[in-house]
C-alpha atoms as a PDB file:
ATOM      1  CA  MET A   1      19.834 -93.626 124.678  1.00  0.00           C
ATOM      2  CA  GLY A   2      23.675 -93.238 126.044  1.00  0.00           C
ATOM      3  CA  ARG A   3      26.189 -90.793 126.125  1.00  0.00           C
ATOM      4  CA  VAL A   4      26.523 -89.573 123.324  1.00  0.00           C
ATOM      5  CA  THR A   5      29.968 -90.285 121.371  1.00  0.00           C
ATOM      6  CA  LEU A   6      32.167 -88.222 118.823  1.00  0.00           C
ATOM      7  CA  ASN A   7      31.466 -91.212 116.790  1.00  0.00           C
ATOM      8  CA  ASP A   8      27.979 -90.369 116.847  1.00  0.00           C
ATOM      9  CA  VAL A   9      28.671 -86.886 115.790  1.00  0.00           C
ATOM     10  CA  SER A  10      30.475 -87.760 112.781  1.00  0.00           C
ATOM     11  CA  ALA A  11      27.749 -90.646 111.869  1.00  0.00           C
ATOM     12  CA  ARG A  12      24.977 -88.021 111.802  1.00  0.00           C
ATOM     13  CA  ALA A  13      26.747 -85.230 109.697  1.00  0.00           C
ATOM     14  CA  GLY A  14      28.455 -87.331 107.297  1.00  0.00           C
ATOM     15  CA  VAL A  15      32.270 -87.006 108.153  1.00  0.00           C
ATOM     16  CA  SER A  16      34.918 -88.653 109.637  1.00  0.00           C
ATOM     17  CA  ARG A  17      35.999 -88.803 113.274  1.00  0.00           C
ATOM     18  CA  ALA A  18      39.167 -87.242 112.169  1.00  0.00           C
ATOM     19  CA  THR A  19      37.096 -84.161 110.519  1.00  0.00           C
ATOM     20  CA  ALA A  20      34.708 -83.908 113.515  1.00  0.00           C
ATOM     21  CA  SER A  21      37.052 -83.851 116.124  1.00  0.00           C
ATOM     22  CA  LEU A  22      39.029 -81.059 114.394  1.00  0.00           C
ATOM     23  CA  VAL A  23      35.605 -79.646 114.087  1.00  0.00           C
ATOM     24  CA  VAL A  24      35.369 -79.662 118.228  1.00  0.00           C
ATOM     25  CA  ARG A  25      38.846 -78.151 118.440  1.00  0.00           C
ATOM     26  CA  GLY A  26      38.030 -75.057 116.452  1.00  0.00           C
ATOM     27  CA  SER A  27      41.048 -75.969 113.488  1.00  0.00           C
ATOM     28  CA  GLU A  28      40.408 -73.534 110.774  1.00  0.00           C
ATOM     29  CA  ARG A  29      41.500 -76.625 107.962  1.00  0.00           C
ATOM     30  CA  ILE A  30      37.623 -77.457 108.099  1.00  0.00           C
ATOM     31  CA  SER A  31      35.293 -75.884 105.270  1.00  0.00           C
ATOM     32  CA  PRO A  32      32.891 -73.685 106.567  1.00  0.00           C
ATOM     33  CA  ALA A  33      30.077 -75.931 105.233  1.00  0.00           C
ATOM     34  CA  THR A  34      31.329 -78.566 106.872  1.00  0.00           C
ATOM     35  CA  THR A  35      31.824 -77.335 109.901  1.00  0.00           C
ATOM     36  CA  GLU A  36      28.404 -76.273 110.035  1.00  0.00           C
ATOM     37  CA  ARG A  37      26.984 -79.300 109.754  1.00  0.00           C
ATOM     38  CA  VAL A  38      28.999 -81.064 112.546  1.00  0.00           C
ATOM     39  CA  ARG A  39      27.893 -78.189 114.789  1.00  0.00           C
ATOM     40  CA  ALA A  40      24.489 -78.863 113.989  1.00  0.00           C
ATOM     41  CA  ALA A  41      24.568 -82.326 114.587  1.00  0.00           C
ATOM     42  CA  MET A  42      26.354 -81.947 117.834  1.00  0.00           C
ATOM     43  CA  VAL A  43      23.294 -79.719 118.773  1.00  0.00           C
ATOM     44  CA  GLU A  44      20.844 -82.087 117.782  1.00  0.00           C
ATOM     45  CA  LEU A  45      22.458 -84.471 119.510  1.00  0.00           C
ATOM     46  CA  GLY A  46      23.150 -83.095 122.661  1.00  0.00           C
ATOM     47  CA  TYR A  47      26.984 -83.599 122.166  1.00  0.00           C
ATOM     48  CA  VAL A  48      29.331 -82.171 125.026  1.00  0.00           C
ATOM     49  CA  TYR A  49      33.201 -82.267 124.661  1.00  0.00           C
ATOM     50  CA  ASP A  50      34.951 -83.769 127.423  1.00  0.00           C
ATOM     51  CA  ARG A  51      38.000 -81.520 126.586  1.00  0.00           C
ATOM     52  CA  ARG A  52      39.806 -83.200 130.192  1.00  0.00           C
ATOM     53  CA  ALA A  53      39.089 -86.391 128.839  1.00  0.00           C
ATOM     54  CA  ALA A  54      40.944 -85.473 125.365  1.00  0.00           C
ATOM     55  CA  MET A  55      43.613 -83.577 127.675  1.00  0.00           C
ATOM     56  CA  LEU A  56      44.878 -86.978 129.122  1.00  0.00           C
ATOM     57  CA  ARG A  57      44.541 -89.317 125.998  1.00  0.00           C
ATOM     58  CA  ALA A  58      47.259 -86.534 124.131  1.00  0.00           C
ATOM     59  CA  SER A  59      48.789 -85.933 127.559  1.00  0.00           C
ATOM     60  CA  ARG A  60      48.763 -82.640 126.396  1.00  0.00           C
ATOM     61  CA  SER A  61      46.739 -79.424 128.064  1.00  0.00           C
ATOM     62  CA  MET A  62      45.757 -77.706 124.996  1.00  0.00           C
ATOM     63  CA  THR A  63      47.221 -74.556 126.367  1.00  0.00           C
ATOM     64  CA  ILE A  64      49.879 -72.522 125.506  1.00  0.00           C
ATOM     65  CA  GLY A  65      51.370 -69.741 127.949  1.00  0.00           C
ATOM     66  CA  VAL A  66      52.340 -65.868 126.614  1.00  0.00           C
ATOM     67  CA  ILE A  67      54.284 -63.597 129.377  1.00  0.00           C
ATOM     68  CA  VAL A  68      54.716 -59.545 128.335  1.00  0.00           C
ATOM     69  CA  PRO A  69      55.886 -57.657 130.231  1.00  0.00           C
ATOM     70  CA  GLU A  70      52.454 -55.104 129.804  1.00  0.00           C
ATOM     71  CA  ILE A  71      49.421 -55.635 128.393  1.00  0.00           C
ATOM     72  CA  ARG A  72      48.418 -51.633 128.113  1.00  0.00           C
ATOM     73  CA  ASN A  73      50.501 -51.293 125.112  1.00  0.00           C
ATOM     74  CA  PRO A  74      48.427 -51.346 121.719  1.00  0.00           C
ATOM     75  CA  TYR A  75      52.009 -52.899 120.434  1.00  0.00           C
ATOM     76  CA  LEU A  76      51.812 -55.694 122.838  1.00  0.00           C
ATOM     77  CA  GLY A  77      47.721 -56.119 122.319  1.00  0.00           C
ATOM     78  CA  GLU A  78      48.210 -56.610 118.057  1.00  0.00           C
ATOM     79  CA  MET A  79      50.906 -59.269 118.894  1.00  0.00           C
ATOM     80  CA  ILE A  80      49.164 -61.209 121.280  1.00  0.00           C
ATOM     81  CA  MET A  81      45.993 -60.915 119.198  1.00  0.00           C
ATOM     82  CA  ALA A  82      47.889 -62.561 116.225  1.00  0.00           C
ATOM     83  CA  ILE A  83      49.408 -65.303 118.838  1.00  0.00           C
ATOM     84  CA  GLU A  84      46.067 -66.054 119.828  1.00  0.00           C
ATOM     85  CA  ALA A  85      44.683 -66.327 116.187  1.00  0.00           C
ATOM     86  CA  THR A  86      47.038 -67.937 114.999  1.00  0.00           C
ATOM     87  CA  LEU A  87      46.577 -71.044 117.898  1.00  0.00           C
ATOM     88  CA  HIS A  88      43.183 -71.087 117.988  1.00  0.00           C
ATOM     89  CA  GLY A  89      42.899 -72.232 114.752  1.00  0.00           C
ATOM     90  CA  GLU A  90      44.990 -75.231 116.098  1.00  0.00           C
ATOM     91  CA  GLY A  91      42.595 -76.177 118.811  1.00  0.00           C
ATOM     92  CA  LEU A  92      44.995 -74.318 121.634  1.00  0.00           C
ATOM     93  CA  THR A  93      44.051 -71.678 124.516  1.00  0.00           C
ATOM     94  CA  VAL A  94      46.390 -68.885 125.168  1.00  0.00           C
ATOM     95  CA  LEU A  95      47.159 -68.160 129.126  1.00  0.00           C
ATOM     96  CA  VAL A  96      48.387 -64.376 129.143  1.00  0.00           C
ATOM     97  CA  GLY A  97      50.633 -62.887 131.837  1.00  0.00           C
ATOM     98  CA  HIS A  98      51.958 -59.691 132.181  1.00  0.00           C
ATOM     99  CA  SER A  99      55.596 -59.162 134.226  1.00  0.00           C
ATOM    100  CA  HIS A 100      55.702 -55.640 134.685  1.00  0.00           C
ATOM    101  CA  ASP A 101      59.090 -56.100 133.624  1.00  0.00           C
ATOM    102  CA  GLN A 102      60.621 -57.420 136.696  1.00  0.00           C
ATOM    103  CA  SER A 103      62.342 -60.483 136.611  1.00  0.00           C
ATOM    104  CA  GLU A 104      60.781 -62.296 140.146  1.00  0.00           C
ATOM    105  CA  ARG A 105      57.318 -61.648 138.576  1.00  0.00           C
ATOM    106  CA  GLU A 106      58.395 -63.379 135.658  1.00  0.00           C
ATOM    107  CA  SER A 107      59.711 -66.245 136.972  1.00  0.00           C
ATOM    108  CA  GLN A 108      56.397 -66.475 139.216  1.00  0.00           C
ATOM    109  CA  LEU A 109      54.375 -66.554 135.773  1.00  0.00           C
ATOM    110  CA  LEU A 110      56.392 -68.991 134.452  1.00  0.00           C
ATOM    111  CA  SER A 111      56.420 -71.504 137.724  1.00  0.00           C
ATOM    112  CA  THR A 112      52.818 -71.225 137.818  1.00  0.00           C
ATOM    113  CA  MET A 113      52.281 -71.981 133.565  1.00  0.00           C
ATOM    114  CA  VAL A 114      54.415 -74.650 133.955  1.00  0.00           C
ATOM    115  CA  GLU A 115      52.869 -76.283 136.823  1.00  0.00           C
ATOM    116  CA  ARG A 116      49.614 -75.834 135.251  1.00  0.00           C
ATOM    117  CA  HIS A 117      51.667 -78.017 132.166  1.00  0.00           C
ATOM    118  CA  VAL A 118      51.147 -75.451 129.224  1.00  0.00           C
ATOM    119  CA  ASP A 119      52.231 -77.288 126.258  1.00  0.00           C
ATOM    120  CA  GLY A 120      54.540 -74.360 125.650  1.00  0.00           C
ATOM    121  CA  LEU A 121      55.597 -70.616 126.601  1.00  0.00           C
ATOM    122  CA  LEU A 122      56.394 -67.634 124.458  1.00  0.00           C
ATOM    123  CA  LEU A 123      58.292 -64.916 126.789  1.00  0.00           C
ATOM    124  CA  GLN A 124      59.297 -61.561 126.177  1.00  0.00           C
ATOM    125  CA  PRO A 125      61.892 -61.706 128.775  1.00  0.00           C
ATOM    126  CA  ALA A 126      61.940 -58.852 131.759  1.00  0.00           C
ATOM    127  CA  GLN A 127      65.048 -57.258 131.088  1.00  0.00           C
ATOM    128  CA  ASP A 128      66.959 -58.389 134.042  1.00  0.00           C
ATOM    129  CA  LEU A 129      66.075 -62.036 133.595  1.00  0.00           C
ATOM    130  CA  THR A 130      68.379 -64.648 133.224  1.00  0.00           C
ATOM    131  CA  ARG A 131      69.385 -67.489 131.583  1.00  0.00           C
ATOM    132  CA  GLU A 132      69.551 -69.719 135.226  1.00  0.00           C
ATOM    133  CA  GLN A 133      65.925 -68.199 136.006  1.00  0.00           C
ATOM    134  CA  VAL A 134      64.032 -69.717 132.663  1.00  0.00           C
ATOM    135  CA  ASP A 135      66.119 -72.947 132.298  1.00  0.00           C
ATOM    136  CA  ARG A 136      65.083 -73.242 136.259  1.00  0.00           C
ATOM    137  CA  TYR A 137      61.400 -73.948 134.914  1.00  0.00           C
ATOM    138  CA  THR A 138      61.255 -75.122 131.081  1.00  0.00           C
ATOM    139  CA  LYS A 139      64.686 -76.955 130.716  1.00  0.00           C
ATOM    140  CA  SER A 140      63.686 -79.567 133.230  1.00  0.00           C
ATOM    141  CA  THR A 141      59.950 -79.939 132.469  1.00  0.00           C
ATOM    142  CA  GLU A 142      61.309 -79.794 128.456  1.00  0.00           C
ATOM    143  CA  THR A 143      58.950 -77.175 127.980  1.00  0.00           C
ATOM    144  CA  PRO A 144      59.489 -75.545 124.736  1.00  0.00           C
ATOM    145  CA  LEU A 145      60.109 -71.583 124.732  1.00  0.00           C
ATOM    146  CA  VAL A 146      60.265 -69.003 122.091  1.00  0.00           C
ATOM    147  CA  MET A 147      61.189 -65.624 122.864  1.00  0.00           C
ATOM    148  CA  MET A 148      59.549 -62.741 121.571  1.00  0.00           C
ATOM    149  CA  MET A 149      60.745 -59.215 121.240  1.00  0.00           C
ATOM    150  CA  ARG A 150      63.974 -59.607 123.542  1.00  0.00           C
ATOM    151  CA  TYR A 151      66.128 -62.234 124.036  1.00  0.00           C
ATOM    152  CA  ILE A 152      68.507 -63.646 126.609  1.00  0.00           C
ATOM    153  CA  ASP A 153      71.100 -64.891 124.411  1.00  0.00           C
ATOM    154  CA  GLU A 154      71.814 -66.248 120.432  1.00  0.00           C
ATOM    155  CA  GLN A 155      70.874 -69.657 121.653  1.00  0.00           C
ATOM    156  CA  ASP A 156      67.536 -68.662 122.117  1.00  0.00           C
ATOM    157  CA  ASN A 157      64.587 -69.717 119.453  1.00  0.00           C
ATOM    158  CA  TYR A 158      63.528 -66.168 119.034  1.00  0.00           C
ATOM    159  CA  VAL A 159      60.663 -63.994 116.863  1.00  0.00           C
ATOM    160  CA  GLY A 160      61.251 -60.408 116.030  1.00  0.00           C
ATOM    161  CA  PRO A 161      61.948 -57.157 114.476  1.00  0.00           C
ATOM    162  CA  ASP A 162      65.984 -56.420 113.204  1.00  0.00           C
ATOM    163  CA  ASN A 163      66.007 -53.687 116.356  1.00  0.00           C
ATOM    164  CA  GLU A 164      69.744 -52.459 114.956  1.00  0.00           C
ATOM    165  CA  ALA A 165      68.759 -52.413 111.293  1.00  0.00           C
ATOM    166  CA  ALA A 166      65.365 -50.280 112.630  1.00  0.00           C
ATOM    167  CA  GLY A 167      67.844 -47.911 114.401  1.00  0.00           C
ATOM    168  CA  LEU A 168      70.044 -47.550 111.245  1.00  0.00           C
ATOM    169  CA  ILE A 169      67.068 -46.627 109.385  1.00  0.00           C
ATOM    170  CA  LEU A 170      66.189 -43.923 111.827  1.00  0.00           C
ATOM    171  CA  GLY A 171      69.745 -42.735 112.328  1.00  0.00           C
ATOM    172  CA  GLU A 172      70.521 -42.220 108.816  1.00  0.00           C
ATOM    173  CA  HIS A 173      67.189 -40.070 108.332  1.00  0.00           C
ATOM    174  CA  LEU A 174      68.164 -37.724 110.943  1.00  0.00           C
ATOM    175  CA  ARG A 175      71.811 -37.074 109.701  1.00  0.00           C
ATOM    176  CA  THR A 176      69.940 -36.214 106.496  1.00  0.00           C
ATOM    177  CA  LEU A 177      67.940 -33.700 108.232  1.00  0.00           C
ATOM    178  CA  GLY A 178      71.162 -31.793 109.395  1.00  0.00           C
ATOM    179  CA  ALA A 179      70.115 -32.930 113.483  1.00  0.00           C
ATOM    180  CA  ARG A 180      73.689 -31.934 115.278  1.00  0.00           C
ATOM    181  CA  SER A 181      72.612 -34.001 118.479  1.00  0.00           C
ATOM    182  CA  VAL A 182      69.977 -36.661 118.943  1.00  0.00           C
ATOM    183  CA  THR A 183      69.061 -38.190 122.652  1.00  0.00           C
ATOM    184  CA  LEU A 184      66.645 -41.756 123.227  1.00  0.00           C
ATOM    185  CA  VAL A 185      64.097 -41.383 125.530  1.00  0.00           C
ATOM    186  CA  GLY A 186      63.048 -43.976 127.423  1.00  0.00           C
ATOM    187  CA  GLY A 187      63.255 -47.795 127.180  1.00  0.00           C
ATOM    188  CA  PRO A 188      64.184 -50.769 129.637  1.00  0.00           C
ATOM    189  CA  ARG A 189      67.981 -50.516 129.993  1.00  0.00           C
ATOM    190  CA  LYS A 190      69.370 -53.673 129.734  1.00  0.00           C
ATOM    191  CA  SER A 191      66.704 -55.549 127.147  1.00  0.00           C
ATOM    192  CA  SER A 192      67.897 -56.679 124.071  1.00  0.00           C
ATOM    193  CA  ALA A 193      65.829 -54.385 122.022  1.00  0.00           C
ATOM    194  CA  ARG A 194      67.420 -51.549 123.457  1.00  0.00           C
ATOM    195  CA  GLN A 195      71.194 -52.174 122.801  1.00  0.00           C
ATOM    196  CA  GLY A 196      70.527 -52.991 119.368  1.00  0.00           C
ATOM    197  CA  ARG A 197      68.327 -49.890 118.556  1.00  0.00           C
ATOM    198  CA  ILE A 198      70.850 -47.971 120.119  1.00  0.00           C
ATOM    199  CA  ALA A 199      73.774 -49.846 118.108  1.00  0.00           C
ATOM    200  CA  GLY A 200      71.587 -48.765 114.654  1.00  0.00           C
ATOM    201  CA  LEU A 201      71.530 -45.460 115.839  1.00  0.00           C
ATOM    202  CA  ARG A 202      75.146 -44.920 116.370  1.00  0.00           C
ATOM    203  CA  ALA A 203      75.759 -46.649 112.874  1.00  0.00           C
ATOM    204  CA  GLY A 204      73.338 -44.354 110.907  1.00  0.00           C
ATOM    205  CA  LEU A 205      74.149 -41.229 112.664  1.00  0.00           C
ATOM    206  CA  GLY A 206      77.336 -41.585 112.056  1.00  0.00           C
ATOM    207  CA  THR A 207      80.584 -39.482 114.267  1.00  0.00           C
ATOM    208  CA  ALA A 208      79.620 -36.040 113.029  1.00  0.00           C
ATOM    209  CA  VAL A 209      76.483 -36.298 115.327  1.00  0.00           C
ATOM    210  CA  GLU A 210      76.345 -36.154 118.973  1.00  0.00           C
ATOM    211  CA  PHE A 211      74.497 -38.777 120.166  1.00  0.00           C
ATOM    212  CA  ASP A 212      73.113 -39.596 124.018  1.00  0.00           C
ATOM    213  CA  SER A 213      71.620 -43.346 124.524  1.00  0.00           C
ATOM    214  CA  GLY A 214      69.775 -41.606 127.165  1.00  0.00           C
ATOM    215  CA  GLU A 215      70.967 -44.326 130.160  1.00  0.00           C
ATOM    216  CA  ALA A 216      69.450 -41.326 132.567  1.00  0.00           C
ATOM    217  CA  THR A 217      66.072 -41.627 130.781  1.00  0.00           C
ATOM    218  CA  ALA A 218      65.692 -45.580 130.649  1.00  0.00           C
ATOM    219  CA  LEU A 219      63.396 -46.806 132.746  1.00  0.00           C
ATOM    220  CA  PRO A 220      62.034 -49.848 133.852  1.00  0.00           C
ATOM    221  CA  THR A 221      58.510 -49.410 132.395  1.00  0.00           C
ATOM    222  CA  ASN A 222      57.951 -48.709 128.631  1.00  0.00           C
ATOM    223  CA  TYR A 223      54.504 -46.664 128.882  1.00  0.00           C
ATOM    224  CA  THR A 224      53.337 -42.988 128.599  1.00  0.00           C
ATOM    225  CA  ASP A 225      53.952 -42.143 132.125  1.00  0.00           C
ATOM    226  CA  THR A 226      57.423 -43.154 131.230  1.00  0.00           C
ATOM    227  CA  GLY A 227      57.603 -41.027 128.370  1.00  0.00           C
ATOM    228  CA  GLU A 228      56.273 -37.928 130.043  1.00  0.00           C
ATOM    229  CA  ARG A 229      59.044 -38.370 133.026  1.00  0.00           C
ATOM    230  CA  ALA A 230      61.833 -38.755 130.741  1.00  0.00           C
ATOM    231  CA  MET A 231      61.472 -36.162 128.777  1.00  0.00           C
ATOM    232  CA  ALA A 232      61.127 -33.587 131.694  1.00  0.00           C
ATOM    233  CA  HIS A 233      64.583 -35.123 132.661  1.00  0.00           C
ATOM    234  CA  VAL A 234      65.997 -33.872 129.210  1.00  0.00           C
ATOM    235  CA  PHE A 235      64.743 -30.788 129.546  1.00  0.00           C
ATOM    236  CA  ASP A 236      65.843 -30.289 133.095  1.00  0.00           C
ATOM    237  CA  GLN A 237      69.044 -30.506 131.822  1.00  0.00           C
ATOM    238  CA  GLY A 238      69.014 -27.216 130.066  1.00  0.00           C
ATOM    239  CA  LYS A 239      69.982 -28.163 126.588  1.00  0.00           C
ATOM    240  CA  VAL A 240      67.460 -29.413 124.030  1.00  0.00           C
ATOM    241  CA  PRO A 241      68.913 -31.959 121.877  1.00  0.00           C
ATOM    242  CA  ASP A 242      67.834 -31.265 118.142  1.00  0.00           C
ATOM    243  CA  VAL A 243      66.227 -34.283 117.966  1.00  0.00           C
ATOM    244  CA  VAL A 244      64.539 -36.633 120.536  1.00  0.00           C
ATOM    245  CA  VAL A 245      63.765 -40.316 120.143  1.00  0.00           C
ATOM    246  CA  GLY A 246      61.427 -42.213 122.286  1.00  0.00           C
ATOM    247  CA  TYR A 247      62.085 -46.133 122.238  1.00  0.00           C
ATOM    248  CA  SER A 248      58.400 -46.857 121.319  1.00  0.00           C
ATOM    249  CA  ASP A 249      55.669 -44.923 119.927  1.00  0.00           C
ATOM    250  CA  VAL A 250      53.763 -45.307 123.829  1.00  0.00           C
ATOM    251  CA  VAL A 251      56.706 -43.907 125.551  1.00  0.00           C
ATOM    252  CA  THR A 252      56.857 -40.674 122.431  1.00  0.00           C
ATOM    253  CA  MET A 253      52.901 -40.440 122.868  1.00  0.00           C
ATOM    254  CA  GLY A 254      53.918 -39.117 126.901  1.00  0.00           C
ATOM    255  CA  MET A 255      57.021 -37.337 125.533  1.00  0.00           C
ATOM    256  CA  TYR A 256      54.564 -34.861 123.255  1.00  0.00           C
ATOM    257  CA  ALA A 257      52.789 -34.045 126.277  1.00  0.00           C
ATOM    258  CA  GLU A 258      55.367 -33.072 128.338  1.00  0.00           C
ATOM    259  CA  ILE A 259      57.121 -31.124 125.290  1.00  0.00           C
ATOM    260  CA  TYR A 260      53.535 -29.345 125.156  1.00  0.00           C
ATOM    261  CA  ARG A 261      53.614 -28.886 128.493  1.00  0.00           C
ATOM    262  CA  ARG A 262      56.956 -26.772 128.363  1.00  0.00           C
ATOM    263  CA  GLY A 263      55.328 -24.467 125.687  1.00  0.00           C
ATOM    264  CA  LEU A 264      57.378 -26.037 122.562  1.00  0.00           C
ATOM    265  CA  THR A 265      55.764 -27.649 119.636  1.00  0.00           C
ATOM    266  CA  PRO A 266      56.759 -30.938 118.192  1.00  0.00           C
ATOM    267  CA  GLY A 267      58.463 -30.935 114.957  1.00  0.00           C
ATOM    268  CA  ARG A 268      58.938 -27.362 115.044  1.00  0.00           C
ATOM    269  CA  ASP A 269      61.315 -26.369 118.028  1.00  0.00           C
ATOM    270  CA  VAL A 270      62.019 -29.975 118.432  1.00  0.00           C
ATOM    271  CA  ALA A 271      61.928 -32.895 116.018  1.00  0.00           C
ATOM    272  CA  VAL A 272      60.751 -36.027 117.183  1.00  0.00           C
ATOM    273  CA  ALA A 273      60.920 -39.692 116.439  1.00  0.00           C
ATOM    274  CA  SER A 274      60.089 -43.284 117.532  1.00  0.00           C
ATOM    275  CA  PHE A 275      59.682 -46.911 116.799  1.00  0.00           C
ATOM    276  CA  ASP A 276      56.506 -49.199 116.073  1.00  0.00           C
ATOM    277  CA  ASP A 277      54.404 -47.211 114.115  1.00  0.00           C
ATOM    278  CA  VAL A 278      51.591 -48.559 116.279  1.00  0.00           C
ATOM    279  CA  PRO A 279      48.238 -46.892 114.755  1.00  0.00           C
ATOM    280  CA  MET A 280      47.963 -43.930 116.671  1.00  0.00           C
ATOM    281  CA  ALA A 281      51.463 -43.159 116.045  1.00  0.00           C
ATOM    282  CA  SER A 282      49.794 -40.929 112.506  1.00  0.00           C
ATOM    283  CA  TRP A 283      46.838 -39.641 114.469  1.00  0.00           C
ATOM    284  CA  LEU A 284      49.064 -37.579 116.519  1.00  0.00           C
ATOM    285  CA  ALA A 285      49.755 -33.851 116.592  1.00  0.00           C
ATOM    286  CA  PRO A 286      52.047 -33.636 114.311  1.00  0.00           C
ATOM    287  CA  PRO A 287      52.046 -37.216 112.704  1.00  0.00           C
ATOM    288  CA  LEU A 288      54.795 -39.070 114.074  1.00  0.00           C
ATOM    289  CA  THR A 289      57.552 -40.400 112.557  1.00  0.00           C
ATOM    290  CA  SER A 290      58.485 -44.023 113.372  1.00  0.00           C
ATOM    291  CA  VAL A 291      60.024 -47.546 112.753  1.00  0.00           C
ATOM    292  CA  ALA A 292      57.046 -50.117 111.874  1.00  0.00           C
ATOM    293  CA  THR A 293      58.392 -53.426 113.521  1.00  0.00           C
ATOM    294  CA  TRP A 294      55.056 -55.322 112.379  1.00  0.00           C
ATOM    295  CA  PRO A 295      53.387 -56.594 115.730  1.00  0.00           C
ATOM    296  CA  ASN A 296      50.943 -58.790 113.348  1.00  0.00           C
ATOM    297  CA  ARG A 297      53.715 -60.480 111.953  1.00  0.00           C
ATOM    298  CA  VAL A 298      55.810 -61.367 114.926  1.00  0.00           C
ATOM    299  CA  GLY A 299      52.963 -62.738 116.846  1.00  0.00           C
ATOM    300  CA  LYS A 300      52.251 -65.038 113.656  1.00  0.00           C
ATOM    301  CA  ALA A 301      55.730 -66.357 113.463  1.00  0.00           C
ATOM    302  CA  ALA A 302      56.220 -66.633 117.230  1.00  0.00           C
ATOM    303  CA  ALA A 303      53.268 -68.570 117.029  1.00  0.00           C
ATOM    304  CA  GLU A 304      54.352 -70.775 114.369  1.00  0.00           C
ATOM    305  CA  LEU A 305      57.311 -71.183 115.772  1.00  0.00           C
ATOM    306  CA  LEU A 306      56.433 -72.268 118.872  1.00  0.00           C
ATOM    307  CA  LEU A 307      53.844 -75.728 117.442  1.00  0.00           C
ATOM    308  CA  ALA A 308      57.128 -76.429 115.228  1.00  0.00           C
ATOM    309  CA  ARG A 309      58.862 -76.427 118.394  1.00  0.00           C
ATOM    310  CA  ILE A 310      56.418 -78.715 120.096  1.00  0.00           C
ATOM    311  CA  ALA A 311      56.492 -81.360 117.013  1.00  0.00           C
ATOM    312  CA  ASP A 312      60.282 -81.134 117.377  1.00  0.00           C
ATOM    313  CA  GLY A 313      62.013 -80.221 120.109  1.00  0.00           C
ATOM    314  CA  ALA A 314      65.103 -81.186 119.219  1.00  0.00           C
ATOM    315  CA  ALA A 315      65.335 -79.105 116.358  1.00  0.00           C
ATOM    316  CA  PRO A 316      68.289 -76.665 116.519  1.00  0.00           C
ATOM    317  CA  PRO A 317      67.152 -72.981 117.626  1.00  0.00           C
ATOM    318  CA  GLU A 318      65.513 -70.567 115.151  1.00  0.00           C
ATOM    319  CA  ARG A 319      66.330 -66.472 114.453  1.00  0.00           C
ATOM    320  CA  ILE A 320      63.256 -64.799 112.627  1.00  0.00           C
ATOM    321  CA  GLU A 321      63.937 -61.181 112.403  1.00  0.00           C
ATOM    322  CA  PHE A 322      61.332 -58.882 110.397  1.00  0.00           C
ATOM    323  CA  GLU A 323      62.727 -56.089 107.912  1.00  0.00           C
ATOM    324  CA  PRO A 324      61.935 -52.512 109.772  1.00  0.00           C
ATOM    325  CA  ALA A 325      60.381 -49.734 107.528  1.00  0.00           C
ATOM    326  CA  LEU A 326      60.736 -46.199 108.476  1.00  0.00           C
ATOM    327  CA  ARG A 327      57.111 -43.883 107.945  1.00  0.00           C
ATOM    328  CA  LEU A 328      58.132 -40.302 107.543  1.00  0.00           C
ATOM    329  CA  ARG A 329      55.929 -37.586 109.152  1.00  0.00           C
ATOM    330  CA  ALA A 330      55.891 -34.253 110.173  1.00  0.00           C
ATOM    331  CA  SER A 331      57.138 -35.221 113.810  1.00  0.00           C
ATOM    332  CA  THR A 332      60.410 -34.632 111.834  1.00  0.00           C
ATOM    333  CA  LEU A 333      59.973 -33.749 108.145  1.00  0.00           C
ATOM    334  CA  SER A 334      58.653 -30.064 109.251  1.00  0.00           C
ATOM    335  CA  TRP A 335      61.798 -29.822 111.450  1.00  0.00           C
ATOM    336  CA  GLY A 336      63.928 -30.845 108.316  1.00  0.00           C
ATOM    337  CA  ARG A 337      62.164 -28.214 106.252  1.00  0.00           C
ATOM    338  CA  ARG A 338      63.046 -25.710 108.907  1.00  0.00           C
ATOM    339  CA  SER A 339      66.161 -26.382 109.542  1.00  0.00           C
ATOM    340  CA  ARG A 340      67.205 -26.530 105.706  1.00  0.00           C
ATOM    341  CA  GLY A 341      65.345 -22.625 105.037  1.00  0.00           C
END
C-alpha cells in the first residue's frame, strides 16, 4: 500500500474529507464520537498528518504570536490559557514571548515572529513601545494585530478591561470609607492601563480626597518584588496615606509583605486595595479588596477578534472593553469600620 492519505482516513471512518481534516487540525466543532472514529481510522491505517504540506497549500503557518510583558503574573497566565484554548479549537498553535516590558526586546520578538510567518499577533505593548516600532513589522507584512490590556492609540484593534471604569468604582468605594488620602503604588508609568486607572481613581475620589498617582513608585516591572520596593518608598517618605492602592494584585502581594515588615497590619493600620482579582487575592490575610478585570474573557475575546481580522483584514479597528466588578473584602472594609468607630 502506498502513502496513506486523508481520503483513505475519511473513507475508513465513513465521514467526508472535510470532516476528517477538521479532526486532524484539532477543531472542537466535530462531535466527540466522530472525532474518535476518525482518530481510530488514522491509527489503524498509520496516517501521519503532513502539517508542512498543509501550510504550503493554505499559505498559512497555522501559528499565532502572543507577546506579553511577563509570564509569572497569574492574570496573564489565565489570559494566555484562554487564548490558547480558543485558538486550539481552530487548529492553531500559539507561540508565546515575554518582553520584560522593554520596547527593544518587544521589537525583537515582533521581528522574530513575523519572520516565522505567524498568521497574526496578539500584543500587550511594552510601556514605551512606539507606533513606528509596531508598524515596522506588521504594516509591511500585513500581519493582523490585536492589542490586549494596553494600546498605543485609539486606532488599534483592542481588547481589555475598561480601566477608567475600574479606577472609578474603586475610587468611589474608598471615598465612602472616609479616606482622606490615597496613593497608587507601582505599575508601568507610561502604559495606557495605568493612565486609565489613574483617571478613574481621580474621578471616583473627588476633589476632597488627596490623591497621589505614585509617579515615584511607577516601576518598569510589575511583580511582587516591585510592590515591596514601591511600598518601602511610600513608608520612607514619612507619612503613610489612609489607603494604598496596588496597580495589580501581584504588586499588592509585595506591598503586604512590606507592610507586615514595618510592624503594621493591612486593613487595620492602612487600607489596601488593588486591581485584577486573581484567585490569590481572596487568600491573603486579610483578604484583598480588588477590581475584577476578567483575564479569561479578555483572552477569549482577543483571540476571536484576531481570527476575525485574519479573515477580513480590511475591517475597521474594533475596541472591546469589559466592565469591571468591585470585590469588597477585609483589606478595606475592616479599616472602614475602624475609622467610623
